């Protein structure tokens, strides 16, 4: 019975030891995931709009299949954001969304606005991640200098 439980544990669960600090999740990845997920929803609504407006000139099956595939690609790209090429995939998808403006002109504006949001999220996330690394470094330094576990810096005593 014990063996079955260990087989179901994740790598992080198997390697955890008491006192092990939890690894921070990247703010850059969180921001990028939020932007891509929101874009997927907007793409689905834009697909329905294009279906209603353009179904006489473009095959409805083509409109729906391309729109749904793009929305799935946006959500799927979230899984690659921790990889070195993940942000590049996000930029390619931003360009694809802007290019959908050739089919529905409103998408030029929506695509550019989301690309700016993507840029802001990535840059701000990188800055906040760097600040967190520095904060963690300072905290570890303080803990090494105060092993008796006294009050934390800035705490009211």
N, C-alpha and C. Protein backbone atom coordinates (compact mmCIF):
# COMPACT_ATOMS: atom_id res chain seq x y z
N UNK A 1 0.83 -1.20 0.00
CA UNK A 1 0.00 0.00 0.00
C UNK A 1 0.87 1.26 0.00
N UNK A 2 1.94 1.26 0.81
CA UNK A 2 2.84 2.41 0.86
C UNK A 2 3.49 2.65 -0.49
N UNK A 3 3.85 1.61 -1.19
CA UNK A 3 4.49 1.75 -2.50
C UNK A 3 3.56 2.43 -3.49
N UNK A 4 2.28 2.07 -3.48
CA UNK A 4 1.32 2.69 -4.39
C UNK A 4 1.21 4.19 -4.16
N UNK A 5 1.27 4.59 -2.90
CA UNK A 5 1.17 6.02 -2.59
C UNK A 5 2.41 6.76 -3.10
N UNK A 6 3.58 6.16 -2.97
CA UNK A 6 4.80 6.80 -3.47
C UNK A 6 4.81 6.86 -4.98
N UNK A 7 4.22 5.88 -5.64
CA UNK A 7 4.16 5.90 -7.11
C UNK A 7 3.32 7.06 -7.61
N UNK A 8 2.33 7.47 -6.84
CA UNK A 8 1.44 8.54 -7.26
C UNK A 8 1.96 9.92 -6.92
N UNK A 9 3.05 10.01 -6.15
CA UNK A 9 3.59 11.30 -5.75
C UNK A 9 4.35 11.94 -6.92
N UNK A 10 4.29 13.25 -6.98
CA UNK A 10 5.05 13.96 -8.00
C UNK A 10 6.51 14.02 -7.59
N UNK A 11 7.36 14.43 -8.50
CA UNK A 11 8.79 14.56 -8.21
C UNK A 11 9.01 15.55 -7.07
N UNK A 12 8.28 16.67 -7.11
CA UNK A 12 8.42 17.67 -6.05
C UNK A 12 8.01 17.11 -4.69
N UNK A 13 6.97 16.28 -4.67
CA UNK A 13 6.53 15.68 -3.41
C UNK A 13 7.55 14.68 -2.89
N UNK A 14 8.15 13.90 -3.78
CA UNK A 14 9.15 12.91 -3.36
C UNK A 14 10.42 13.58 -2.83
N UNK A 15 10.79 14.73 -3.40
CA UNK A 15 12.03 15.40 -3.02
C UNK A 15 11.87 16.37 -1.86
N UNK A 16 10.64 16.62 -1.42
CA UNK A 16 10.41 17.58 -0.35
C UNK A 16 10.93 17.05 0.97
N UNK A 17 11.54 17.93 1.74
CA UNK A 17 12.00 17.62 3.09
C UNK A 17 11.50 18.72 4.01
N UNK A 18 11.26 18.42 5.29
CA UNK A 18 10.82 19.47 6.22
C UNK A 18 11.80 20.64 6.21
N UNK A 19 11.27 21.84 6.22
CA UNK A 19 12.10 23.04 6.22
C UNK A 19 12.51 23.50 4.83
N UNK A 20 12.15 22.73 3.79
CA UNK A 20 12.48 23.12 2.43
C UNK A 20 11.59 24.29 2.03
N UNK A 21 12.20 25.42 1.62
CA UNK A 21 11.36 26.55 1.22
C UNK A 21 10.65 26.26 -0.10
N UNK A 22 9.45 26.78 -0.22
CA UNK A 22 8.69 26.60 -1.44
C UNK A 22 9.27 27.50 -2.52
N UNK A 23 9.47 26.95 -3.71
CA UNK A 23 10.02 27.72 -4.82
C UNK A 23 8.95 28.70 -5.32
N UNK A 24 9.39 29.94 -5.54
CA UNK A 24 8.46 30.96 -6.03
C UNK A 24 8.08 30.67 -7.47
N UNK A 25 6.84 30.95 -7.79
CA UNK A 25 6.39 30.87 -9.18
C UNK A 25 6.74 32.20 -9.84
N UNK A 26 7.21 32.13 -11.05
CA UNK A 26 7.61 33.32 -11.78
C UNK A 26 6.41 34.22 -12.05
N UNK A 27 6.57 35.49 -11.72
CA UNK A 27 5.51 36.46 -11.99
C UNK A 27 5.40 36.68 -13.50
N UNK A 28 6.52 36.64 -14.19
CA UNK A 28 6.51 36.78 -15.65
C UNK A 28 5.64 35.70 -16.28
N UNK A 29 5.81 34.46 -15.82
CA UNK A 29 5.02 33.35 -16.36
C UNK A 29 3.55 33.52 -16.01
N UNK A 30 3.27 33.99 -14.80
CA UNK A 30 1.89 34.20 -14.39
C UNK A 30 1.22 35.27 -15.25
N UNK A 31 1.90 36.41 -15.41
CA UNK A 31 1.34 37.49 -16.24
C UNK A 31 1.13 37.01 -17.68
N UNK A 32 2.12 36.32 -18.23
CA UNK A 32 2.03 35.84 -19.62
C UNK A 32 0.87 34.85 -19.77
N UNK A 33 0.69 33.98 -18.79
CA UNK A 33 -0.41 33.01 -18.84
C UNK A 33 -1.77 33.71 -18.82
N UNK A 34 -1.89 34.73 -18.01
CA UNK A 34 -3.15 35.48 -17.93
C UNK A 34 -3.45 36.14 -19.27
N UNK A 35 -2.44 36.79 -19.86
CA UNK A 35 -2.65 37.47 -21.14
C UNK A 35 -3.05 36.46 -22.22
N UNK A 36 -2.36 35.34 -22.31
CA UNK A 36 -2.67 34.35 -23.34
C UNK A 36 -4.07 33.76 -23.14
N UNK A 37 -4.45 33.52 -21.91
CA UNK A 37 -5.78 32.96 -21.64
C UNK A 37 -6.88 33.96 -22.00
N UNK A 38 -6.67 35.22 -21.65
CA UNK A 38 -7.66 36.24 -22.02
C UNK A 38 -7.74 36.39 -23.54
N UNK A 39 -6.59 36.31 -24.20
CA UNK A 39 -6.59 36.38 -25.66
C UNK A 39 -7.37 35.22 -26.28
N UNK A 40 -7.24 34.04 -25.67
CA UNK A 40 -7.98 32.89 -26.18
C UNK A 40 -9.48 33.14 -26.12
N UNK A 41 -9.94 33.74 -25.04
CA UNK A 41 -11.38 34.06 -24.93
C UNK A 41 -11.79 35.09 -25.98
N UNK A 42 -10.96 36.12 -26.15
CA UNK A 42 -11.27 37.15 -27.15
C UNK A 42 -11.29 36.55 -28.55
N UNK A 43 -10.34 35.64 -28.83
CA UNK A 43 -10.29 34.99 -30.15
C UNK A 43 -11.56 34.15 -30.37
N UNK A 44 -12.03 33.48 -29.33
CA UNK A 44 -13.28 32.72 -29.50
C UNK A 44 -14.45 33.64 -29.84
N UNK A 45 -14.55 34.76 -29.15
CA UNK A 45 -15.63 35.70 -29.45
C UNK A 45 -15.45 36.32 -30.84
N UNK A 46 -14.21 36.62 -31.22
CA UNK A 46 -13.95 37.17 -32.55
C UNK A 46 -14.28 36.13 -33.62
N UNK A 47 -14.06 34.86 -33.32
CA UNK A 47 -14.41 33.79 -34.26
C UNK A 47 -15.92 33.76 -34.49
N UNK A 48 -16.67 33.90 -33.41
CA UNK A 48 -18.13 33.92 -33.55
C UNK A 48 -18.58 35.15 -34.33
N UNK A 49 -17.91 36.27 -34.11
CA UNK A 49 -18.23 37.50 -34.86
C UNK A 49 -17.95 37.29 -36.34
N UNK A 50 -16.77 36.76 -36.64
CA UNK A 50 -16.41 36.51 -38.05
C UNK A 50 -17.37 35.50 -38.67
N UNK A 51 -17.77 34.51 -37.90
CA UNK A 51 -18.73 33.53 -38.40
C UNK A 51 -20.04 34.20 -38.80
N UNK A 52 -20.50 35.13 -37.96
CA UNK A 52 -21.74 35.82 -38.26
C UNK A 52 -21.63 36.79 -39.42
N UNK A 53 -20.50 37.47 -39.53
CA UNK A 53 -20.35 38.51 -40.55
C UNK A 53 -19.84 37.99 -41.89
N UNK A 54 -19.03 36.96 -41.87
CA UNK A 54 -18.31 36.55 -43.08
C UNK A 54 -18.69 35.17 -43.61
N UNK A 55 -19.70 34.55 -43.05
CA UNK A 55 -20.01 33.18 -43.46
C UNK A 55 -20.46 33.06 -44.92
N UNK A 56 -20.87 34.17 -45.52
CA UNK A 56 -21.25 34.13 -46.94
C UNK A 56 -20.03 34.20 -47.86
N UNK A 57 -18.93 34.76 -47.37
CA UNK A 57 -17.73 34.91 -48.21
C UNK A 57 -16.63 33.90 -47.88
N UNK A 58 -16.59 33.45 -46.62
CA UNK A 58 -15.59 32.46 -46.19
C UNK A 58 -16.33 31.26 -45.63
N UNK A 59 -15.83 30.09 -45.91
CA UNK A 59 -16.45 28.86 -45.43
C UNK A 59 -16.61 28.89 -43.90
N UNK A 60 -17.83 28.66 -43.41
CA UNK A 60 -18.04 28.66 -41.96
C UNK A 60 -17.15 27.63 -41.25
N UNK A 61 -16.94 26.48 -41.88
CA UNK A 61 -16.08 25.46 -41.26
C UNK A 61 -14.65 25.98 -41.12
N UNK A 62 -14.18 26.73 -42.13
CA UNK A 62 -12.83 27.29 -42.07
C UNK A 62 -12.73 28.34 -40.97
N UNK A 63 -13.72 29.20 -40.88
CA UNK A 63 -13.72 30.25 -39.85
C UNK A 63 -13.66 29.61 -38.46
N UNK A 64 -14.55 28.65 -38.22
CA UNK A 64 -14.61 28.02 -36.90
C UNK A 64 -13.36 27.21 -36.59
N UNK A 65 -12.87 26.46 -37.56
CA UNK A 65 -11.70 25.62 -37.29
C UNK A 65 -10.44 26.46 -37.03
N UNK A 66 -10.23 27.52 -37.81
CA UNK A 66 -9.06 28.37 -37.59
C UNK A 66 -9.18 29.11 -36.26
N UNK A 67 -10.34 29.65 -35.97
CA UNK A 67 -10.54 30.39 -34.72
C UNK A 67 -10.36 29.51 -33.50
N UNK A 68 -10.95 28.33 -33.52
CA UNK A 68 -10.82 27.41 -32.38
C UNK A 68 -9.38 26.93 -32.26
N UNK A 69 -8.73 26.64 -33.38
CA UNK A 69 -7.32 26.21 -33.34
C UNK A 69 -6.42 27.29 -32.76
N UNK A 70 -6.67 28.55 -33.12
CA UNK A 70 -5.88 29.64 -32.57
C UNK A 70 -6.11 29.80 -31.07
N UNK A 71 -7.34 29.67 -30.63
CA UNK A 71 -7.64 29.75 -29.19
C UNK A 71 -6.96 28.61 -28.43
N UNK A 72 -6.98 27.41 -29.00
CA UNK A 72 -6.31 26.28 -28.36
C UNK A 72 -4.80 26.50 -28.33
N UNK A 73 -4.25 27.06 -29.40
CA UNK A 73 -2.81 27.34 -29.44
C UNK A 73 -2.43 28.37 -28.36
N UNK A 74 -3.28 29.36 -28.15
CA UNK A 74 -3.00 30.35 -27.12
C UNK A 74 -2.98 29.73 -25.73
N UNK A 75 -3.95 28.90 -25.44
CA UNK A 75 -3.99 28.24 -24.14
C UNK A 75 -2.84 27.24 -24.03
N UNK A 76 -2.56 26.51 -25.10
CA UNK A 76 -1.47 25.54 -25.09
C UNK A 76 -0.11 26.18 -24.92
N UNK A 77 0.05 27.40 -25.40
CA UNK A 77 1.33 28.11 -25.27
C UNK A 77 1.68 28.37 -23.81
N UNK A 78 0.69 28.42 -22.95
CA UNK A 78 0.94 28.63 -21.52
C UNK A 78 1.85 27.53 -20.95
N UNK A 79 1.75 26.34 -21.48
CA UNK A 79 2.55 25.23 -20.98
C UNK A 79 4.04 25.39 -21.30
N UNK A 80 4.36 26.22 -22.29
CA UNK A 80 5.75 26.37 -22.71
C UNK A 80 6.41 27.64 -22.17
N UNK A 81 5.70 28.42 -21.38
CA UNK A 81 6.23 29.70 -20.93
C UNK A 81 7.46 29.57 -20.03
N UNK A 82 7.63 28.44 -19.37
CA UNK A 82 8.81 28.25 -18.52
C UNK A 82 10.03 27.83 -19.33
N UNK A 83 9.83 27.46 -20.57
CA UNK A 83 10.94 27.06 -21.45
C UNK A 83 11.58 28.31 -22.06
N UNK A 84 12.83 28.20 -22.51
CA UNK A 84 13.50 29.37 -23.11
C UNK A 84 12.78 29.91 -24.35
N UNK A 85 12.10 29.06 -25.09
CA UNK A 85 11.43 29.48 -26.31
C UNK A 85 9.96 29.84 -26.07
N UNK A 86 9.48 29.77 -24.86
CA UNK A 86 8.07 30.00 -24.56
C UNK A 86 7.61 31.42 -24.86
N UNK A 87 8.42 32.40 -24.51
CA UNK A 87 8.05 33.79 -24.76
C UNK A 87 8.05 34.06 -26.27
N UNK A 88 8.97 33.44 -27.00
CA UNK A 88 9.01 33.61 -28.46
C UNK A 88 7.72 33.06 -29.08
N UNK A 89 7.24 31.93 -28.58
CA UNK A 89 5.97 31.38 -29.07
C UNK A 89 4.84 32.39 -28.83
N UNK A 90 4.86 33.01 -27.66
CA UNK A 90 3.85 34.02 -27.35
C UNK A 90 3.91 35.20 -28.31
N UNK A 91 5.13 35.64 -28.67
CA UNK A 91 5.26 36.74 -29.63
C UNK A 91 4.75 36.36 -31.00
N UNK A 92 5.02 35.13 -31.41
CA UNK A 92 4.51 34.66 -32.71
C UNK A 92 2.99 34.68 -32.71
N UNK A 93 2.40 34.23 -31.62
CA UNK A 93 0.94 34.24 -31.52
C UNK A 93 0.38 35.67 -31.52
N UNK A 94 1.12 36.60 -30.92
CA UNK A 94 0.69 38.00 -30.97
C UNK A 94 0.63 38.49 -32.42
N UNK A 95 1.65 38.14 -33.19
CA UNK A 95 1.68 38.54 -34.60
C UNK A 95 0.55 37.89 -35.40
N UNK A 96 0.25 36.63 -35.08
CA UNK A 96 -0.85 35.93 -35.76
C UNK A 96 -2.17 36.63 -35.47
N UNK A 97 -2.36 37.03 -34.22
CA UNK A 97 -3.61 37.71 -33.86
C UNK A 97 -3.71 39.06 -34.58
N UNK A 98 -2.61 39.78 -34.65
CA UNK A 98 -2.62 41.05 -35.39
C UNK A 98 -2.94 40.78 -36.86
N UNK A 99 -2.38 39.71 -37.41
CA UNK A 99 -2.62 39.38 -38.83
C UNK A 99 -4.07 39.00 -39.11
N UNK A 100 -4.81 38.58 -38.09
CA UNK A 100 -6.23 38.27 -38.32
C UNK A 100 -7.01 39.53 -38.67
N UNK A 101 -6.38 40.68 -38.49
CA UNK A 101 -7.01 41.94 -38.89
C UNK A 101 -7.23 42.03 -40.39
N UNK A 102 -6.51 41.24 -41.18
CA UNK A 102 -6.75 41.22 -42.62
C UNK A 102 -8.09 40.57 -42.95
N UNK A 103 -8.60 39.77 -42.03
CA UNK A 103 -9.90 39.14 -42.22
C UNK A 103 -11.00 39.98 -41.57
N UNK A 104 -10.75 40.41 -40.35
CA UNK A 104 -11.69 41.27 -39.62
C UNK A 104 -10.89 42.47 -39.11
N UNK A 105 -11.04 43.64 -39.73
CA UNK A 105 -10.19 44.80 -39.43
C UNK A 105 -10.13 45.21 -37.96
N UNK A 106 -11.15 44.96 -37.19
CA UNK A 106 -11.14 45.30 -35.77
C UNK A 106 -10.03 44.55 -35.03
N UNK A 107 -9.64 43.40 -35.56
CA UNK A 107 -8.60 42.60 -34.91
C UNK A 107 -7.23 43.28 -34.98
N UNK A 108 -7.02 44.22 -35.89
CA UNK A 108 -5.78 44.99 -35.88
C UNK A 108 -5.64 45.72 -34.54
N UNK A 109 -6.70 46.42 -34.17
CA UNK A 109 -6.68 47.17 -32.91
C UNK A 109 -6.57 46.23 -31.72
N UNK A 110 -7.41 45.20 -31.70
CA UNK A 110 -7.39 44.25 -30.59
C UNK A 110 -6.03 43.56 -30.49
N UNK A 111 -5.48 43.16 -31.63
CA UNK A 111 -4.18 42.50 -31.63
C UNK A 111 -3.06 43.38 -31.12
N UNK A 112 -3.05 44.64 -31.55
CA UNK A 112 -2.02 45.57 -31.09
C UNK A 112 -2.16 45.84 -29.60
N UNK A 113 -3.39 46.01 -29.13
CA UNK A 113 -3.60 46.23 -27.70
C UNK A 113 -3.14 45.04 -26.87
N UNK A 114 -3.43 43.82 -27.34
CA UNK A 114 -2.97 42.65 -26.62
C UNK A 114 -1.45 42.49 -26.70
N UNK A 115 -0.87 42.85 -27.83
CA UNK A 115 0.60 42.78 -27.94
C UNK A 115 1.25 43.76 -26.96
N UNK A 116 0.67 44.93 -26.80
CA UNK A 116 1.19 45.88 -25.82
C UNK A 116 1.00 45.35 -24.39
N UNK A 117 -0.13 44.72 -24.15
CA UNK A 117 -0.37 44.11 -22.84
C UNK A 117 0.64 42.99 -22.58
N UNK A 118 0.91 42.19 -23.62
CA UNK A 118 1.90 41.12 -23.53
C UNK A 118 3.27 41.70 -23.18
N UNK A 119 3.68 42.75 -23.90
CA UNK A 119 4.96 43.39 -23.66
C UNK A 119 5.04 43.92 -22.23
N UNK A 120 4.01 44.60 -21.78
CA UNK A 120 3.99 45.14 -20.43
C UNK A 120 4.07 44.02 -19.39
N UNK A 121 3.31 42.95 -19.58
CA UNK A 121 3.32 41.84 -18.65
C UNK A 121 4.67 41.16 -18.57
N UNK A 122 5.32 40.97 -19.71
CA UNK A 122 6.63 40.33 -19.73
C UNK A 122 7.67 41.21 -19.05
N UNK A 123 7.71 42.49 -19.42
CA UNK A 123 8.71 43.40 -18.84
C UNK A 123 8.49 43.59 -17.34
N UNK A 124 7.25 43.77 -16.92
CA UNK A 124 6.96 43.95 -15.50
C UNK A 124 7.25 42.66 -14.73
N UNK A 125 6.89 41.53 -15.31
CA UNK A 125 7.17 40.25 -14.66
C UNK A 125 8.66 40.01 -14.46
N UNK A 126 9.46 40.34 -15.47
CA UNK A 126 10.92 40.19 -15.35
C UNK A 126 11.44 41.08 -14.21
N UNK A 127 10.95 42.32 -14.16
CA UNK A 127 11.40 43.24 -13.11
C UNK A 127 11.01 42.74 -11.72
N UNK A 128 9.76 42.28 -11.57
CA UNK A 128 9.31 41.79 -10.27
C UNK A 128 10.00 40.50 -9.87
N UNK A 129 10.28 39.63 -10.83
CA UNK A 129 11.03 38.40 -10.53
C UNK A 129 12.43 38.74 -10.02
N UNK A 130 13.08 39.74 -10.64
CA UNK A 130 14.41 40.16 -10.19
C UNK A 130 14.35 40.74 -8.78
N UNK A 131 13.31 41.52 -8.50
CA UNK A 131 13.16 42.07 -7.15
C UNK A 131 12.94 40.95 -6.13
N UNK A 132 12.18 39.93 -6.49
CA UNK A 132 11.96 38.81 -5.57
C UNK A 132 13.24 38.03 -5.32
N UNK A 133 14.06 37.84 -6.34
CA UNK A 133 15.34 37.15 -6.15
C UNK A 133 16.20 37.94 -5.17
N UNK A 134 16.27 39.25 -5.35
CA UNK A 134 17.05 40.09 -4.44
C UNK A 134 16.49 40.04 -3.03
N UNK A 135 15.17 40.09 -2.89
CA UNK A 135 14.53 40.02 -1.58
C UNK A 135 14.84 38.67 -0.90
N UNK A 136 14.76 37.58 -1.67
CA UNK A 136 15.07 36.26 -1.11
C UNK A 136 16.54 36.18 -0.69
N UNK A 137 17.44 36.79 -1.49
CA UNK A 137 18.87 36.78 -1.15
C UNK A 137 19.09 37.54 0.16
N UNK A 138 18.46 38.70 0.30
CA UNK A 138 18.61 39.47 1.52
C UNK A 138 18.03 38.73 2.72
N UNK A 139 16.90 38.05 2.53
CA UNK A 139 16.29 37.29 3.62
C UNK A 139 17.21 36.15 4.06
N UNK A 140 17.80 35.44 3.11
CA UNK A 140 18.71 34.33 3.44
C UNK A 140 19.95 34.86 4.16
N UNK A 141 20.45 36.01 3.71
CA UNK A 141 21.61 36.63 4.36
C UNK A 141 21.28 36.99 5.80
N UNK A 142 20.10 37.57 6.01
CA UNK A 142 19.69 37.94 7.36
C UNK A 142 19.53 36.71 8.24
N UNK A 143 18.96 35.64 7.69
CA UNK A 143 18.77 34.42 8.48
C UNK A 143 20.10 33.78 8.85
N UNK A 144 21.11 33.87 7.96
CA UNK A 144 22.44 33.35 8.30
C UNK A 144 23.08 34.19 9.41
N UNK A 145 22.85 35.51 9.37
CA UNK A 145 23.43 36.39 10.37
C UNK A 145 22.69 36.31 11.71
N UNK A 146 21.46 35.83 11.72
CA UNK A 146 20.64 35.74 12.93
C UNK A 146 20.11 34.32 13.10
N UNK A 147 20.97 33.35 13.37
CA UNK A 147 20.51 31.95 13.43
C UNK A 147 19.62 31.65 14.62
N UNK A 148 19.64 32.51 15.66
CA UNK A 148 18.83 32.23 16.83
C UNK A 148 17.35 32.44 16.60
N UNK A 149 16.99 32.96 15.42
CA UNK A 149 15.57 33.11 15.07
C UNK A 149 14.93 34.28 15.76
N UNK A 150 15.69 35.35 15.95
CA UNK A 150 15.14 36.56 16.57
C UNK A 150 14.07 37.15 15.69
N UNK A 151 13.64 38.33 16.06
CA UNK A 151 12.58 38.97 15.28
C UNK A 151 13.11 39.35 13.92
N UNK A 152 12.23 39.36 12.95
CA UNK A 152 12.62 39.70 11.57
C UNK A 152 12.86 41.19 11.46
N UNK A 153 13.68 41.59 10.47
CA UNK A 153 13.93 43.02 10.32
C UNK A 153 12.62 43.77 10.02
N UNK A 154 12.45 44.88 10.72
CA UNK A 154 11.26 45.69 10.49
C UNK A 154 10.05 45.26 11.31
N UNK A 155 10.16 44.14 12.03
CA UNK A 155 9.02 43.67 12.83
C UNK A 155 8.95 44.46 14.14
N UNK A 156 7.76 44.70 14.62
CA UNK A 156 7.59 45.39 15.91
C UNK A 156 7.87 44.43 17.03
N UNK A 157 8.74 44.85 17.94
CA UNK A 157 9.11 43.98 19.06
C UNK A 157 8.44 44.42 20.30
